[in-house]
Amino acid sequence: MPAAHRFATHSRSAYVPRAATSRRRPNHPLRARTDLATLAARLTPRDLWLTAMLHEHRVLTSHHISALAFTSHRCANRRLRDLYFLGVVDSFRPLLQTGSAPEHYTLGRTGAEVLAATRGTDLASIGWRKDLCARTAFSPTLDHDLDVNTHLVTLAATHRQRSNEHLALWLSPRSAKRLWGDWIRPDAYAHWQSGPTMVPFFFEYDTGTERPLARLEAKLPGYASLAATTGTRTALLIHTSTTRREAALRTRLTDTAHQAQLPVATTSADLMSPAGLAGPVWLPLGDTAGGRLPLAALAAHWPGLTPALTTQDPALSPGEADTRPWRPITPLPPDGGVR
């Protein structure tokens, strides 16, 4: 499985999309066949899954998509090229100071129409905008968003090497805000499944430059209020930029987390290995006698963890919820990405 850093793009001072809003799709046999009726015979379950993933997570690189749903990067690029000509996806490629960036994909208009049709609603209801690609390319949080997606993609891609471990659920910041915005706004919410053990967790990604430590500390009361209000106990995992910053953060958070009885663990970019967040990189606040733990071991360290989002929640329940404009999308395609 590729390590998180292998998906990551290089540091950049500015994003310059390659004609993000005006790049013309050249003449192509697929270009004239973008009506929804024709697309019904052209789009695979994996393609439909990709439209939902791009809508949920806003932007994924070709490397992300390849790791999640294809057996080779070449196959991924070939299919993504076809989907681009069909208007299902849009793309841009940032200009880097050194090297070249992978293609970055967002949801295209045709893809948004297909997604709306599959959910029994209209384009306005799913919130797609025609300037989505350009807004994403120039977003000041693009680097941060891509880094978060890279870590979660690495977790999801674990299924290729470890069949008994997988990322069962992955929600974007937008979906987390929709569900718990009155209390918290994490960078992601996820369920990590290792055999019969499930670790539900909120994920905070600290770049070391965007947020002072006090801002991270100020988030803990919100997590405590959510736990008290909903009667749930979900782990909070914080990824920092360096071990030095992690140590400073732990000093600030330990007393607050202990008083609120919050299960909090930290790690840093310096500790990342090919296993990514799944590896033995997590150090719980408080008792550190056991050293750093793999993600799956946090369930035993904190007995009684409960997910903030369960199958009994209306957002996940079958039936009426199936026709709602928003519903969580599985991190892996329905066909497992074997074709």
Protein backbone atom coordinates (compact mmCIF):
# COMPACT_ATOMS: atom_id res chain seq x y z
CA MET A 1 0.00 0.00 0.00
CA PRO A 2 1.37 3.43 -0.85
CA ALA A 3 2.35 5.66 2.02
CA ALA A 4 0.54 8.92 2.55
CA HIS A 5 3.48 10.97 1.30
CA ARG A 6 3.42 9.18 -2.04
CA PHE A 7 -0.02 10.61 -2.75
CA ALA A 8 0.88 14.08 -1.60
CA THR A 9 1.65 16.96 -3.91
CA HIS A 10 4.68 19.19 -3.48
CA SER A 11 4.59 22.39 -1.50
CA ARG A 12 3.38 25.26 -3.62
CA SER A 13 3.22 28.99 -3.24
CA ALA A 14 0.19 29.40 -5.51
CA TYR A 15 -2.24 27.34 -7.53
CA VAL A 16 -2.60 28.18 -11.19
CA PRO A 17 -5.23 25.91 -12.70
CA ARG A 18 -4.77 24.97 -16.30
CA ALA A 19 -7.72 26.96 -17.65
CA ALA A 20 -9.93 25.61 -14.90
CA THR A 21 -13.05 27.36 -16.17
CA SER A 22 -12.40 27.71 -19.89
CA ARG A 23 -10.34 24.69 -20.97
CA ARG A 24 -12.18 23.30 -23.99
CA ARG A 25 -12.90 19.63 -24.37
CA PRO A 26 -11.57 18.76 -27.85
CA ASN A 27 -13.52 16.77 -30.37
CA HIS A 28 -13.83 13.24 -29.10
CA PRO A 29 -16.19 10.35 -29.91
CA LEU A 30 -17.69 10.62 -26.42
CA ARG A 31 -18.18 14.36 -26.44
CA ALA A 32 -21.52 14.37 -28.26
CA ARG A 33 -22.99 11.65 -26.08
CA THR A 34 -23.52 13.36 -22.77
CA ASP A 35 -27.32 13.14 -22.44
CA LEU A 36 -28.36 11.30 -19.31
CA ALA A 37 -30.22 8.58 -21.18
CA THR A 38 -27.10 7.65 -23.12
CA LEU A 39 -24.92 7.89 -20.03
CA ALA A 40 -27.07 5.28 -18.31
CA ALA A 41 -25.52 2.70 -20.63
CA ARG A 42 -21.99 4.10 -20.35
CA LEU A 43 -21.44 4.70 -16.65
CA THR A 44 -20.42 1.80 -14.44
CA PRO A 45 -21.23 1.44 -10.72
CA ARG A 46 -17.66 2.59 -10.09
CA ASP A 47 -18.28 5.76 -12.13
CA LEU A 48 -21.44 6.51 -10.15
CA TRP A 49 -19.51 5.93 -6.93
CA LEU A 50 -16.87 8.41 -8.11
CA THR A 51 -19.47 11.14 -8.70
CA ALA A 52 -20.64 10.71 -5.11
CA MET A 53 -17.08 10.69 -3.77
CA LEU A 54 -16.17 13.89 -5.62
CA HIS A 55 -19.35 15.54 -4.39
CA GLU A 56 -18.59 14.48 -0.81
CA HIS A 57 -14.87 15.28 -0.70
CA ARG A 58 -14.74 18.11 -3.29
CA VAL A 59 -11.36 17.26 -4.84
CA LEU A 60 -9.35 14.08 -5.37
CA THR A 61 -6.17 13.68 -7.37
CA SER A 62 -5.65 11.00 -10.00
CA HIS A 63 -3.41 9.20 -7.48
CA HIS A 64 -6.17 9.21 -4.87
CA ILE A 65 -8.69 7.77 -7.30
CA SER A 66 -6.25 5.19 -8.60
CA ALA A 67 -5.45 3.97 -5.07
CA LEU A 68 -9.11 3.65 -4.14
CA ALA A 69 -10.68 2.18 -7.23
CA PHE A 70 -8.18 0.94 -9.84
CA THR A 71 -5.45 -1.66 -10.10
CA SER A 72 -3.10 0.67 -12.01
CA HIS A 73 -2.60 4.38 -12.46
CA ARG A 74 -2.69 3.97 -16.23
CA CYS A 75 -6.15 2.40 -16.12
CA ALA A 76 -7.34 5.16 -13.82
CA ASN A 77 -6.09 7.91 -16.14
CA ARG A 78 -7.70 6.27 -19.16
CA ARG A 79 -11.11 6.09 -17.49
CA LEU A 80 -10.83 9.56 -15.98
CA ARG A 81 -10.03 10.95 -19.43
CA ASP A 82 -13.24 9.43 -20.80
CA LEU A 83 -15.25 10.79 -17.89
CA TYR A 84 -13.75 14.22 -18.50
CA PHE A 85 -14.82 14.19 -22.14
CA LEU A 86 -18.31 13.18 -21.04
CA GLY A 87 -18.43 16.11 -18.62
CA VAL A 88 -18.82 13.81 -15.64
CA VAL A 89 -15.68 15.27 -14.05
CA ASP A 90 -13.77 18.52 -14.37
CA SER A 91 -10.06 18.83 -13.70
CA PHE A 92 -7.18 21.21 -13.18
CA ARG A 93 -3.45 20.79 -12.73
CA PRO A 94 -1.63 23.17 -10.40
CA LEU A 95 1.56 24.87 -11.44
CA LEU A 96 4.37 23.91 -9.05
CA GLN A 97 7.69 25.60 -8.47
CA THR A 98 9.43 22.28 -9.14
CA GLY A 99 8.18 19.09 -10.76
CA SER A 100 4.64 18.50 -11.95
CA ALA A 101 1.42 17.95 -10.06
CA PRO A 102 -1.08 15.16 -10.75
CA GLU A 103 -4.42 15.99 -12.28
CA HIS A 104 -6.92 17.20 -9.68
CA TYR A 105 -10.55 16.19 -10.24
CA THR A 106 -13.81 17.81 -9.21
CA LEU A 107 -17.41 16.95 -10.07
CA GLY A 108 -18.48 18.16 -13.54
CA ARG A 109 -21.92 19.40 -14.48
CA THR A 110 -22.97 16.18 -16.18
CA GLY A 111 -21.70 14.20 -13.21
CA ALA A 112 -23.72 16.41 -10.88
CA GLU A 113 -26.84 15.87 -12.99
CA VAL A 114 -26.29 12.11 -12.90
CA LEU A 115 -25.79 12.20 -9.13
CA ALA A 116 -28.95 14.24 -8.66
CA ALA A 117 -30.91 11.80 -10.83
CA THR A 118 -29.67 8.77 -8.86
CA ARG A 119 -30.79 10.46 -5.63
CA GLY A 120 -34.18 11.44 -6.97
CA THR A 121 -33.59 15.17 -6.69
CA ASP A 122 -32.44 18.10 -8.83
CA LEU A 123 -29.16 19.90 -9.43
CA ALA A 124 -29.95 22.75 -7.06
CA SER A 125 -30.66 20.37 -4.17
CA ILE A 126 -27.19 18.83 -4.16
CA GLY A 127 -25.54 22.24 -4.10
CA TRP A 128 -23.34 21.95 -7.21
CA ARG A 129 -22.00 25.23 -8.68
CA LYS A 130 -20.72 25.82 -12.18
CA ASP A 131 -17.60 27.54 -10.83
CA LEU A 132 -16.76 24.61 -8.54
CA CYS A 133 -13.53 23.71 -10.35
CA ALA A 134 -12.14 27.25 -10.30
CA ARG A 135 -13.19 27.85 -6.69
CA THR A 136 -11.48 24.62 -5.67
CA ALA A 137 -8.30 25.41 -7.60
CA PHE A 138 -7.91 28.78 -5.90
CA SER A 139 -9.17 27.77 -2.45
CA PRO A 140 -6.81 28.88 0.35
CA THR A 141 -7.48 25.56 2.12
CA LEU A 142 -6.66 23.34 -0.86
CA ASP A 143 -3.34 22.07 0.49
CA HIS A 144 -4.95 21.28 3.84
CA ASP A 145 -7.92 19.52 2.22
CA LEU A 146 -5.67 17.43 -0.03
CA ASP A 147 -3.50 16.37 2.91
CA VAL A 148 -6.55 15.23 4.88
CA ASN A 149 -7.86 13.33 1.86
CA THR A 150 -4.45 11.74 1.34
CA HIS A 151 -4.40 10.31 4.86
CA LEU A 152 -7.91 8.92 4.58
CA VAL A 153 -7.24 7.50 1.10
CA THR A 154 -4.21 5.71 2.53
CA LEU A 155 -6.44 4.17 5.19
CA ALA A 156 -9.07 3.16 2.66
CA ALA A 157 -6.45 1.62 0.36
CA THR A 158 -5.33 -0.68 3.19
CA HIS A 159 -7.84 -3.27 1.94
CA ARG A 160 -5.37 -4.23 -0.82
CA GLN A 161 -2.82 -5.57 1.69
CA ARG A 162 -4.95 -6.32 4.76
CA SER A 163 -8.28 -7.89 3.90
CA ASN A 164 -9.40 -7.88 7.54
CA GLU A 165 -8.96 -4.10 7.89
CA HIS A 166 -10.83 -1.39 6.07
CA LEU A 167 -12.19 2.12 6.32
CA ALA A 168 -15.93 1.53 6.70
CA LEU A 169 -17.03 5.18 6.77
CA TRP A 170 -15.43 8.51 5.89
CA LEU A 171 -17.25 11.82 6.12
CA SER A 172 -15.96 15.12 4.82
CA PRO A 173 -15.83 18.34 6.88
CA ARG A 174 -18.97 19.53 5.12
CA SER A 175 -20.93 16.43 6.12
CA ALA A 176 -19.57 16.58 9.67
CA LYS A 177 -20.68 20.21 9.89
CA ARG A 178 -24.13 19.21 8.64
CA LEU A 179 -24.44 16.61 11.39
CA TRP A 180 -22.64 18.20 14.35
CA GLY A 181 -21.99 21.82 13.39
CA ASP A 182 -23.61 23.14 16.57
CA TRP A 183 -20.77 21.57 18.56
CA ILE A 184 -17.78 20.68 16.39
CA ARG A 185 -16.31 21.04 12.92
CA PRO A 186 -13.69 18.30 12.48
CA ASP A 187 -11.63 17.73 9.35
CA ALA A 188 -13.12 14.25 8.99
CA TYR A 189 -15.17 11.60 10.76
CA ALA A 190 -14.47 7.92 10.13
CA HIS A 191 -15.00 4.32 11.23
CA TRP A 192 -11.92 2.07 11.11
CA GLN A 193 -12.80 -1.62 11.06
CA SER A 194 -10.17 -4.22 12.05
CA GLY A 195 -11.78 -7.65 12.18
CA PRO A 196 -14.63 -7.41 14.73
CA THR A 197 -13.14 -4.24 16.26
CA MET A 198 -14.38 -0.83 15.18
CA VAL A 199 -12.72 2.47 16.09
CA PRO A 200 -14.93 5.50 15.46
CA PHE A 201 -12.97 8.74 15.40
CA PHE A 202 -12.99 12.42 14.62
CA PHE A 203 -9.87 13.64 12.81
CA GLU A 204 -8.21 17.02 13.29
CA TYR A 205 -5.34 17.86 10.94
CA ASP A 206 -2.99 20.53 12.23
CA THR A 207 -0.55 21.92 9.66
CA GLY A 208 1.45 23.85 12.22
CA THR A 209 0.92 27.17 10.47
CA GLU A 210 -2.82 27.70 10.07
CA ARG A 211 -3.91 27.20 13.66
CA PRO A 212 -2.28 28.29 16.92
CA LEU A 213 -2.34 25.66 19.66
CA ALA A 214 -4.93 27.68 21.57
CA ARG A 215 -7.43 27.18 18.73
CA LEU A 216 -7.05 23.42 18.94
CA GLU A 217 -7.44 23.55 22.72
CA ALA A 218 -10.59 25.63 22.31
CA LYS A 219 -12.19 22.83 20.30
CA LEU A 220 -12.24 20.32 23.17
CA PRO A 221 -15.28 21.79 24.99
CA GLY A 222 -17.30 21.31 21.81
CA TYR A 223 -16.35 17.63 21.64
CA ALA A 224 -17.20 17.27 25.32
CA SER A 225 -20.61 18.90 24.79
CA LEU A 226 -21.35 16.61 21.85
CA ALA A 227 -20.48 13.53 23.92
CA ALA A 228 -22.60 14.69 26.86
CA THR A 229 -25.58 15.64 24.67
CA THR A 230 -25.64 12.51 22.52
CA GLY A 231 -24.38 10.00 25.08
CA THR A 232 -21.61 8.84 22.74
CA ARG A 233 -17.89 8.37 23.28
CA THR A 234 -15.89 8.80 20.09
CA ALA A 235 -12.10 9.08 19.85
CA LEU A 236 -10.53 12.36 18.79
CA LEU A 237 -7.32 11.88 16.78
CA ILE A 238 -5.06 14.88 16.16
CA HIS A 239 -2.32 14.88 13.53
CA THR A 240 0.35 17.56 13.91
CA SER A 241 3.20 18.69 11.69
CA THR A 242 6.19 17.77 13.92
CA THR A 243 6.91 15.81 17.09
CA ARG A 244 7.98 19.05 18.75
CA ARG A 245 4.62 20.65 18.04
CA GLU A 246 2.89 17.45 19.14
CA ALA A 247 4.68 17.59 22.51
CA ALA A 248 3.62 21.22 23.01
CA LEU A 249 0.05 20.38 22.05
CA ARG A 250 -0.09 17.45 24.47
CA THR A 251 1.04 19.73 27.31
CA ARG A 252 -1.85 22.09 26.59
CA LEU A 253 -4.54 19.46 26.06
CA THR A 254 -3.89 16.84 28.73
CA ASP A 255 -5.63 18.51 31.67
CA THR A 256 -8.58 19.73 29.59
CA ALA A 257 -9.11 16.31 28.00
CA HIS A 258 -8.84 14.57 31.38
CA GLN A 259 -11.42 16.85 32.99
CA ALA A 260 -13.81 16.34 30.06
CA GLN A 261 -13.08 12.58 29.95
CA LEU A 262 -12.33 12.80 26.26
CA PRO A 263 -10.39 9.98 24.54
CA VAL A 264 -7.72 11.94 22.65
CA ALA A 265 -4.60 10.65 20.89
CA THR A 266 -1.96 12.51 18.90
CA THR A 267 0.62 11.82 16.22
CA SER A 268 2.84 13.83 13.88
CA ALA A 269 3.97 13.80 10.27
CA ASP A 270 7.48 12.82 11.41
CA LEU A 271 6.16 9.42 12.50
CA MET A 272 4.27 8.44 9.36
CA SER A 273 5.17 5.11 7.75
CA PRO A 274 3.73 3.21 4.77
CA ALA A 275 0.91 2.11 7.09
CA GLY A 276 -0.13 5.74 7.53
CA LEU A 277 -2.68 6.45 10.24
CA ALA A 278 -3.28 2.71 10.72
CA GLY A 279 0.25 2.15 12.03
CA PRO A 280 1.62 2.35 15.58
CA VAL A 281 1.76 6.14 15.62
CA TRP A 282 -0.95 7.14 18.12
CA LEU A 283 -0.07 8.26 21.64
CA PRO A 284 -3.12 8.67 23.92
CA LEU A 285 -3.17 11.61 26.29
CA GLY A 286 -2.55 10.70 29.91
CA ASP A 287 -1.32 7.15 30.40
CA THR A 288 1.53 6.61 27.92
CA ALA A 289 3.07 3.52 29.53
CA GLY A 290 2.09 1.40 26.56
CA GLY A 291 3.82 3.68 24.08
CA ARG A 292 2.42 4.47 20.67
CA LEU A 293 -0.42 2.28 19.47
CA PRO A 294 -1.80 1.27 16.07
CA LEU A 295 -5.21 2.65 15.22
CA ALA A 296 -7.02 -0.65 15.87
CA ALA A 297 -5.52 -0.93 19.38
CA LEU A 298 -7.19 2.29 20.52
CA ALA A 299 -10.45 0.39 21.00
CA ALA A 300 -8.83 -1.79 23.69
CA HIS A 301 -7.07 1.20 25.24
CA TRP A 302 -10.39 3.04 25.54
CA PRO A 303 -13.07 0.41 26.25
CA GLY A 304 -16.57 1.60 25.49
CA LEU A 305 -15.94 3.75 22.44
CA THR A 306 -19.22 4.43 20.64
CA PRO A 307 -19.72 6.00 17.20
CA ALA A 308 -21.24 9.45 16.88
CA LEU A 309 -23.05 8.18 13.76
CA THR A 310 -24.66 4.74 13.89
CA THR A 311 -26.72 2.58 11.56
CA GLN A 312 -29.78 3.65 13.56
CA ASP A 313 -29.17 7.26 12.59
CA PRO A 314 -31.67 8.51 9.96
CA ALA A 315 -28.73 9.51 7.75
CA LEU A 316 -27.65 5.87 7.48
CA SER A 317 -30.93 4.02 7.86
CA PRO A 318 -32.48 2.38 4.78
CA GLY A 319 -35.86 3.34 3.44
CA GLU A 320 -36.87 6.97 3.39
CA ALA A 321 -33.28 8.16 3.87
CA ASP A 322 -32.33 6.60 0.53
CA THR A 323 -34.10 9.40 -1.36
CA ARG A 324 -32.57 12.27 0.58
CA PRO A 325 -30.09 14.59 -1.18
CA TRP A 326 -27.30 13.59 1.25
CA ARG A 327 -26.28 10.13 2.29
CA PRO A 328 -22.82 8.83 3.33
CA ILE A 329 -20.83 7.25 0.52
CA THR A 330 -18.66 4.18 1.10
CA PRO A 331 -14.92 4.94 0.73
CA LEU A 332 -14.48 2.05 -1.73
CA PRO A 333 -16.36 1.42 -5.00
CA PRO A 334 -19.03 -1.29 -5.13
CA ASP A 335 -16.91 -3.50 -7.39
CA GLY A 336 -13.82 -3.17 -5.20
CA GLY A 337 -11.91 -1.48 -7.99
CA VAL A 338 -10.70 -4.73 -9.53
CA ARG A 339 -11.44 -3.94 -13.14
